[in-house]
Amino acid sequence: MRTLIAALLFFVGFGAQAQCQGLSCSGQASDIIHSLRLESKQLLVALPAQDSRQLNCLLVEQQFAQLQEPAMLPQAHALLLTALMNRQQIRLEFNPQSPECTIIAIELLPTR
């Protein structure tokens, strides 16, 4: 019985981790987004340091991914806040043409 409980705790804890690799991050919004920084024409998303090492892009100030299209700032900000408040699964995708981690897509994933 203890083994079963330990295994369940392991998988529950493992599933809660954000996964960043290549040009995307996915997982529960609160695990991926450590903070949001909104500036006049820029939205910066702080990513977890341990997961961001697997990315194929450079983070702004070694911690932030930035939104590529400033015109989408209000919609992206609202979508990320909604995901955080509702504890939803999300995926952030980054521009393969940019050396910096520039967000080109935000996807809300269905709750399992």
C-alpha atoms as a PDB file:
ATOM      1  CA  MET A   1       0.000   0.000   0.000  1.00  0.00           C
ATOM      2  CA  ARG A   2       2.821   2.426   0.857  1.00  0.00           C
ATOM      3  CA  THR A   3       4.446   1.693  -2.501  1.00  0.00           C
ATOM      4  CA  LEU A   4       1.222   2.538  -4.323  1.00  0.00           C
ATOM      5  CA  ILE A   5       0.841   5.817  -2.419  1.00  0.00           C
ATOM      6  CA  ALA A   6       4.490   6.732  -3.057  1.00  0.00           C
ATOM      7  CA  ALA A   7       4.073   5.961  -6.776  1.00  0.00           C
ATOM      8  CA  LEU A   8       0.920   8.095  -6.990  1.00  0.00           C
ATOM      9  CA  LEU A   9       2.612  11.008  -5.238  1.00  0.00           C
ATOM     10  CA  PHE A  10       5.575  10.701  -7.596  1.00  0.00           C
ATOM     11  CA  PHE A  11       3.381  10.829 -10.702  1.00  0.00           C
ATOM     12  CA  VAL A  12       1.206  13.635  -9.361  1.00  0.00           C
ATOM     13  CA  GLY A  13       4.291  15.680  -8.486  1.00  0.00           C
ATOM     14  CA  PHE A  14       5.934  14.873 -11.798  1.00  0.00           C
ATOM     15  CA  GLY A  15       2.866  15.871 -13.782  1.00  0.00           C
ATOM     16  CA  ALA A  16       2.794  19.289 -12.133  1.00  0.00           C
ATOM     17  CA  GLN A  17       6.162  20.269 -13.557  1.00  0.00           C
ATOM     18  CA  ALA A  18       6.503  22.601 -16.495  1.00  0.00           C
ATOM     19  CA  GLN A  19       8.286  21.138 -19.452  1.00  0.00           C
ATOM     20  CA  CYS A  20      10.402  23.441 -21.582  1.00  0.00           C
ATOM     21  CA  GLN A  21      12.314  21.983 -24.469  1.00  0.00           C
ATOM     22  CA  GLY A  22      13.414  23.192 -27.859  1.00  0.00           C
ATOM     23  CA  LEU A  23      11.092  26.009 -28.832  1.00  0.00           C
ATOM     24  CA  SER A  24       8.157  25.499 -26.458  1.00  0.00           C
ATOM     25  CA  CYS A  25       7.052  25.193 -22.843  1.00  0.00           C
ATOM     26  CA  SER A  26       3.946  23.351 -21.708  1.00  0.00           C
ATOM     27  CA  GLY A  27       2.276  22.514 -18.415  1.00  0.00           C
ATOM     28  CA  GLN A  28       0.067  24.160 -15.839  1.00  0.00           C
ATOM     29  CA  ALA A  29       0.184  27.930 -16.253  1.00  0.00           C
ATOM     30  CA  SER A  30       1.325  28.526 -12.658  1.00  0.00           C
ATOM     31  CA  ASP A  31       4.256  26.128 -13.173  1.00  0.00           C
ATOM     32  CA  ILE A  32       5.381  27.824 -16.387  1.00  0.00           C
ATOM     33  CA  ILE A  33       4.710  31.465 -15.542  1.00  0.00           C
ATOM     34  CA  HIS A  34       6.730  32.601 -12.554  1.00  0.00           C
ATOM     35  CA  SER A  35       5.767  36.212 -13.157  1.00  0.00           C
ATOM     36  CA  LEU A  36       4.350  38.552 -15.775  1.00  0.00           C
ATOM     37  CA  ARG A  37       5.955  41.921 -16.411  1.00  0.00           C
ATOM     38  CA  LEU A  38       3.911  44.373 -18.421  1.00  0.00           C
ATOM     39  CA  GLU A  39       5.722  47.378 -19.857  1.00  0.00           C
ATOM     40  CA  SER A  40       4.458  50.108 -22.178  1.00  0.00           C
ATOM     41  CA  LYS A  41       4.760  48.017 -25.342  1.00  0.00           C
ATOM     42  CA  GLN A  42       6.076  44.725 -24.065  1.00  0.00           C
ATOM     43  CA  LEU A  43       4.886  41.676 -22.155  1.00  0.00           C
ATOM     44  CA  LEU A  44       7.583  39.590 -20.479  1.00  0.00           C
ATOM     45  CA  VAL A  45       6.934  36.128 -19.048  1.00  0.00           C
ATOM     46  CA  ALA A  46       9.400  34.809 -16.443  1.00  0.00           C
ATOM     47  CA  LEU A  47      10.033  31.096 -16.982  1.00  0.00           C
ATOM     48  CA  PRO A  48      11.322  28.578 -14.431  1.00  0.00           C
ATOM     49  CA  ALA A  49      15.133  28.573 -14.463  1.00  0.00           C
ATOM     50  CA  GLN A  50      15.516  24.805 -14.199  1.00  0.00           C
ATOM     51  CA  ASP A  51      13.214  24.158 -17.185  1.00  0.00           C
ATOM     52  CA  SER A  52      14.408  26.999 -19.393  1.00  0.00           C
ATOM     53  CA  ARG A  53      17.882  25.420 -19.713  1.00  0.00           C
ATOM     54  CA  GLN A  54      16.379  23.014 -22.257  1.00  0.00           C
ATOM     55  CA  LEU A  55      15.253  25.813 -24.592  1.00  0.00           C
ATOM     56  CA  ASN A  56      16.905  26.522 -27.941  1.00  0.00           C
ATOM     57  CA  CYS A  57      16.634  30.290 -27.470  1.00  0.00           C
ATOM     58  CA  LEU A  58      17.996  32.974 -25.146  1.00  0.00           C
ATOM     59  CA  LEU A  59      15.883  34.501 -22.393  1.00  0.00           C
ATOM     60  CA  VAL A  60      15.784  38.272 -21.922  1.00  0.00           C
ATOM     61  CA  GLU A  61      17.718  39.091 -18.717  1.00  0.00           C
ATOM     62  CA  GLN A  62      18.243  35.302 -18.403  1.00  0.00           C
ATOM     63  CA  GLN A  63      14.651  34.751 -17.238  1.00  0.00           C
ATOM     64  CA  PHE A  64      12.036  36.282 -19.556  1.00  0.00           C
ATOM     65  CA  ALA A  65      10.390  35.253 -22.794  1.00  0.00           C
ATOM     66  CA  GLN A  66       8.862  38.195 -24.616  1.00  0.00           C
ATOM     67  CA  LEU A  67       5.755  38.565 -26.738  1.00  0.00           C
ATOM     68  CA  GLN A  68       6.676  38.950 -30.407  1.00  0.00           C
ATOM     69  CA  GLU A  69       3.759  41.076 -31.599  1.00  0.00           C
ATOM     70  CA  PRO A  70       3.075  44.206 -29.483  1.00  0.00           C
ATOM     71  CA  ALA A  71      -0.349  44.578 -31.138  1.00  0.00           C
ATOM     72  CA  MET A  72      -1.378  41.300 -29.461  1.00  0.00           C
ATOM     73  CA  LEU A  73      -0.330  42.493 -25.999  1.00  0.00           C
ATOM     74  CA  PRO A  74      -3.856  42.995 -24.537  1.00  0.00           C
ATOM     75  CA  GLN A  75      -5.118  39.622 -25.792  1.00  0.00           C
ATOM     76  CA  ALA A  76      -1.996  37.749 -24.684  1.00  0.00           C
ATOM     77  CA  HIS A  77      -2.066  39.386 -21.249  1.00  0.00           C
ATOM     78  CA  ALA A  78      -5.748  38.480 -20.795  1.00  0.00           C
ATOM     79  CA  LEU A  79      -5.191  34.901 -21.994  1.00  0.00           C
ATOM     80  CA  LEU A  80      -2.255  34.334 -19.626  1.00  0.00           C
ATOM     81  CA  LEU A  81      -4.147  35.814 -16.661  1.00  0.00           C
ATOM     82  CA  THR A  82      -7.151  33.606 -17.461  1.00  0.00           C
ATOM     83  CA  ALA A  83      -4.921  30.534 -17.611  1.00  0.00           C
ATOM     84  CA  LEU A  84      -3.312  31.428 -14.287  1.00  0.00           C
ATOM     85  CA  MET A  85      -6.611  32.122 -12.523  1.00  0.00           C
ATOM     86  CA  ASN A  86      -8.222  28.896 -13.814  1.00  0.00           C
ATOM     87  CA  ARG A  87      -5.135  26.717 -13.296  1.00  0.00           C
ATOM     88  CA  GLN A  88      -5.220  25.692 -16.944  1.00  0.00           C
ATOM     89  CA  GLN A  89      -2.658  23.829 -18.980  1.00  0.00           C
ATOM     90  CA  ILE A  90      -0.922  26.005 -21.569  1.00  0.00           C
ATOM     91  CA  ARG A  91       1.738  25.795 -24.235  1.00  0.00           C
ATOM     92  CA  LEU A  92       4.002  28.687 -25.202  1.00  0.00           C
ATOM     93  CA  GLU A  93       5.722  28.455 -28.578  1.00  0.00           C
ATOM     94  CA  PHE A  94       8.778  30.491 -29.516  1.00  0.00           C
ATOM     95  CA  ASN A  95       9.921  31.943 -32.831  1.00  0.00           C
ATOM     96  CA  PRO A  96      12.453  29.614 -34.506  1.00  0.00           C
ATOM     97  CA  GLN A  97      13.827  32.573 -36.503  1.00  0.00           C
ATOM     98  CA  SER A  98      14.782  34.600 -33.413  1.00  0.00           C
ATOM     99  CA  PRO A  99      17.787  33.955 -31.158  1.00  0.00           C
ATOM    100  CA  GLU A 100      15.767  35.281 -28.203  1.00  0.00           C
ATOM    101  CA  CYS A 101      12.796  33.412 -26.697  1.00  0.00           C
ATOM    102  CA  THR A 102      10.068  35.335 -28.463  1.00  0.00           C
ATOM    103  CA  ILE A 103       6.519  34.080 -27.925  1.00  0.00           C
ATOM    104  CA  ILE A 104       4.658  33.551 -31.205  1.00  0.00           C
ATOM    105  CA  ALA A 105       1.764  31.428 -29.877  1.00  0.00           C
ATOM    106  CA  ILE A 106      -0.090  30.836 -26.609  1.00  0.00           C
ATOM    107  CA  GLU A 107      -2.361  27.815 -26.497  1.00  0.00           C
ATOM    108  CA  LEU A 108      -4.836  26.872 -23.783  1.00  0.00           C
ATOM    109  CA  LEU A 109      -4.875  23.082 -23.528  1.00  0.00           C
ATOM    110  CA  PRO A 110      -7.931  21.067 -22.516  1.00  0.00           C
ATOM    111  CA  THR A 111      -8.160  20.036 -18.891  1.00  0.00           C
ATOM    112  CA  ARG A 112      -7.701  16.304 -18.454  1.00  0.00           C
END
